[in-house]
């Protein structure tokens, strides 16, 4: 059953508002930071991330990791998925290295 006329989920509100912003932007233009979007909408970080994820899935924006989100040039979303996987692998590697360092530090003292 579909309910109509009710309020839109917050993540959908974020995606809708940013779609309007993107229409006025050029490919490669940077979207506001997550912090700026949290301040603008007053929603939780996860809600903002969900709205951005919707736009990424639609191919409207691309994520450049810690550099932010940018208006897409219209390339296929599959290339974005490869970039996302590459970023995730990089983050996992960095976390694995940090865990190894922490384990080395804690080994001599014991638990």
C-alpha atoms as a PDB file:
ATOM      1  CA  UNK A   1       0.000   0.000   0.000  1.00  0.00           C
ATOM      2  CA  UNK A   2       1.319   3.420  -0.937  1.00  0.00           C
ATOM      3  CA  UNK A   3       0.530   6.421   1.204  1.00  0.00           C
ATOM      4  CA  UNK A   4       0.385   9.721  -0.632  1.00  0.00           C
ATOM      5  CA  UNK A   5       0.247  13.239   0.631  1.00  0.00           C
ATOM      6  CA  UNK A   6       2.291  12.541   3.747  1.00  0.00           C
ATOM      7  CA  UNK A   7       5.582  14.198   4.572  1.00  0.00           C
ATOM      8  CA  UNK A   8       8.586  13.033   2.599  1.00  0.00           C
ATOM      9  CA  UNK A   9      11.324  11.149   4.418  1.00  0.00           C
ATOM     10  CA  UNK A  10      14.137  13.479   5.439  1.00  0.00           C
ATOM     11  CA  UNK A  11      16.716  11.807   3.171  1.00  0.00           C
ATOM     12  CA  UNK A  12      14.358  12.310   0.221  1.00  0.00           C
ATOM     13  CA  UNK A  13      13.989  15.983   1.170  1.00  0.00           C
ATOM     14  CA  UNK A  14      17.785  16.325   1.137  1.00  0.00           C
ATOM     15  CA  UNK A  15      18.081  14.584  -2.242  1.00  0.00           C
ATOM     16  CA  UNK A  16      15.274  16.686  -3.757  1.00  0.00           C
ATOM     17  CA  UNK A  17      16.789  19.971  -2.566  1.00  0.00           C
ATOM     18  CA  UNK A  18      20.245  19.015  -3.792  1.00  0.00           C
ATOM     19  CA  UNK A  19      18.829  17.925  -7.173  1.00  0.00           C
ATOM     20  CA  UNK A  20      17.526  21.487  -7.563  1.00  0.00           C
ATOM     21  CA  UNK A  21      20.967  22.848  -6.615  1.00  0.00           C
ATOM     22  CA  UNK A  22      22.708  20.490  -9.063  1.00  0.00           C
ATOM     23  CA  UNK A  23      20.537  21.789 -11.935  1.00  0.00           C
ATOM     24  CA  UNK A  24      22.236  25.181 -11.452  1.00  0.00           C
ATOM     25  CA  UNK A  25      25.755  23.710 -11.218  1.00  0.00           C
ATOM     26  CA  UNK A  26      28.279  22.458 -13.759  1.00  0.00           C
ATOM     27  CA  UNK A  27      29.956  19.035 -13.894  1.00  0.00           C
ATOM     28  CA  UNK A  28      32.881  19.007 -11.477  1.00  0.00           C
ATOM     29  CA  UNK A  29      31.405  21.644  -9.157  1.00  0.00           C
ATOM     30  CA  UNK A  30      31.743  20.705  -5.497  1.00  0.00           C
ATOM     31  CA  UNK A  31      28.684  20.227  -3.338  1.00  0.00           C
ATOM     32  CA  UNK A  32      28.641  21.703   0.165  1.00  0.00           C
ATOM     33  CA  UNK A  33      30.429  19.625   2.803  1.00  0.00           C
ATOM     34  CA  UNK A  34      28.493  17.201   4.944  1.00  0.00           C
ATOM     35  CA  UNK A  35      28.865  19.573   7.905  1.00  0.00           C
ATOM     36  CA  UNK A  36      27.414  22.424   5.823  1.00  0.00           C
ATOM     37  CA  UNK A  37      24.513  20.206   4.751  1.00  0.00           C
ATOM     38  CA  UNK A  38      23.847  19.172   8.358  1.00  0.00           C
ATOM     39  CA  UNK A  39      23.720  22.867   9.296  1.00  0.00           C
ATOM     40  CA  UNK A  40      21.536  23.717   6.302  1.00  0.00           C
ATOM     41  CA  UNK A  41      18.941  20.986   6.803  1.00  0.00           C
ATOM     42  CA  UNK A  42      19.221  20.380  10.539  1.00  0.00           C
ATOM     43  CA  UNK A  43      19.193  16.622   9.986  1.00  0.00           C
ATOM     44  CA  UNK A  44      21.489  13.921  11.353  1.00  0.00           C
ATOM     45  CA  UNK A  45      24.686  12.975   9.559  1.00  0.00           C
ATOM     46  CA  UNK A  46      23.282   9.585   8.487  1.00  0.00           C
ATOM     47  CA  UNK A  47      20.238  11.275   6.945  1.00  0.00           C
ATOM     48  CA  UNK A  48      22.506  13.546   4.897  1.00  0.00           C
ATOM     49  CA  UNK A  49      24.606  10.541   3.851  1.00  0.00           C
ATOM     50  CA  UNK A  50      21.462   8.696   2.757  1.00  0.00           C
ATOM     51  CA  UNK A  51      20.362  11.648   0.642  1.00  0.00           C
ATOM     52  CA  UNK A  52      23.801  11.854  -0.976  1.00  0.00           C
ATOM     53  CA  UNK A  53      23.786   8.087  -1.565  1.00  0.00           C
ATOM     54  CA  UNK A  54      20.538   8.468  -3.491  1.00  0.00           C
ATOM     55  CA  UNK A  55      22.128  11.089  -5.746  1.00  0.00           C
ATOM     56  CA  UNK A  56      25.220   8.891  -6.255  1.00  0.00           C
ATOM     57  CA  UNK A  57      23.002   5.945  -7.192  1.00  0.00           C
ATOM     58  CA  UNK A  58      21.235   8.164  -9.723  1.00  0.00           C
ATOM     59  CA  UNK A  59      24.590   9.156 -11.193  1.00  0.00           C
ATOM     60  CA  UNK A  60      24.088  12.852 -10.409  1.00  0.00           C
ATOM     61  CA  UNK A  61      27.095  13.149  -8.121  1.00  0.00           C
ATOM     62  CA  UNK A  62      30.373  11.360  -7.552  1.00  0.00           C
ATOM     63  CA  UNK A  63      32.213  10.980  -4.287  1.00  0.00           C
ATOM     64  CA  UNK A  64      35.918  11.727  -4.053  1.00  0.00           C
ATOM     65  CA  UNK A  65      36.367  10.298  -0.572  1.00  0.00           C
ATOM     66  CA  UNK A  66      37.550  12.903   1.901  1.00  0.00           C
ATOM     67  CA  UNK A  67      37.595  15.565  -0.818  1.00  0.00           C
ATOM     68  CA  UNK A  68      33.806  15.676  -0.956  1.00  0.00           C
ATOM     69  CA  UNK A  69      31.041  15.174  -3.480  1.00  0.00           C
ATOM     70  CA  UNK A  70      31.029  16.644  -6.955  1.00  0.00           C
ATOM     71  CA  UNK A  71      28.487  17.083  -9.726  1.00  0.00           C
ATOM     72  CA  UNK A  72      28.837  14.187 -12.138  1.00  0.00           C
ATOM     73  CA  UNK A  73      29.731  14.647 -15.777  1.00  0.00           C
ATOM     74  CA  UNK A  74      27.079  12.096 -16.711  1.00  0.00           C
ATOM     75  CA  UNK A  75      29.458   9.120 -16.957  1.00  0.00           C
ATOM     76  CA  UNK A  76      27.989   5.745 -16.156  1.00  0.00           C
ATOM     77  CA  UNK A  77      27.379   5.060 -12.475  1.00  0.00           C
ATOM     78  CA  UNK A  78      29.306   1.780 -12.772  1.00  0.00           C
ATOM     79  CA  UNK A  79      32.562   3.739 -12.836  1.00  0.00           C
ATOM     80  CA  UNK A  80      31.449   5.392  -9.598  1.00  0.00           C
ATOM     81  CA  UNK A  81      30.993   1.974  -8.017  1.00  0.00           C
ATOM     82  CA  UNK A  82      34.557   1.052  -8.960  1.00  0.00           C
ATOM     83  CA  UNK A  83      35.789   4.289  -7.416  1.00  0.00           C
ATOM     84  CA  UNK A  84      33.773   3.599  -4.270  1.00  0.00           C
ATOM     85  CA  UNK A  85      35.224   0.092  -3.980  1.00  0.00           C
ATOM     86  CA  UNK A  86      38.723   1.480  -4.461  1.00  0.00           C
ATOM     87  CA  UNK A  87      38.105   4.039  -1.708  1.00  0.00           C
ATOM     88  CA  UNK A  88      36.705   1.391   0.643  1.00  0.00           C
ATOM     89  CA  UNK A  89      39.715  -0.861   0.042  1.00  0.00           C
ATOM     90  CA  UNK A  90      42.033   2.039   0.767  1.00  0.00           C
ATOM     91  CA  UNK A  91      40.223   2.813   4.014  1.00  0.00           C
ATOM     92  CA  UNK A  92      40.276  -0.853   5.072  1.00  0.00           C
ATOM     93  CA  UNK A  93      44.018  -1.016   4.408  1.00  0.00           C
ATOM     94  CA  UNK A  94      44.603   2.114   6.488  1.00  0.00           C
ATOM     95  CA  UNK A  95      42.497   0.697   9.326  1.00  0.00           C
ATOM     96  CA  UNK A  96      44.329  -2.642   9.174  1.00  0.00           C
ATOM     97  CA  UNK A  97      47.639  -0.813   9.483  1.00  0.00           C
ATOM     98  CA  UNK A  98      46.368   1.177  12.466  1.00  0.00           C
ATOM     99  CA  UNK A  99      45.109  -1.982  14.183  1.00  0.00           C
ATOM    100  CA  UNK A 100      48.495  -3.657  13.638  1.00  0.00           C
ATOM    101  CA  UNK A 101      50.275  -0.702  15.265  1.00  0.00           C
ATOM    102  CA  UNK A 102      47.881  -0.744  18.222  1.00  0.00           C
ATOM    103  CA  UNK A 103      48.324  -4.494  18.654  1.00  0.00           C
ATOM    104  CA  UNK A 104      52.102  -4.094  18.656  1.00  0.00           C
ATOM    105  CA  UNK A 105      51.876  -1.399  21.323  1.00  0.00           C
ATOM    106  CA  UNK A 106      49.641  -3.482  23.576  1.00  0.00           C
ATOM    107  CA  UNK A 107      51.524  -6.792  23.200  1.00  0.00           C
ATOM    108  CA  UNK A 108      54.453  -6.144  25.585  1.00  0.00           C
ATOM    109  CA  UNK A 109      52.264  -4.899  28.439  1.00  0.00           C
ATOM    110  CA  UNK A 110      49.790  -7.757  28.167  1.00  0.00           C
ATOM    111  CA  UNK A 111      46.088  -7.540  28.891  1.00  0.00           C
END
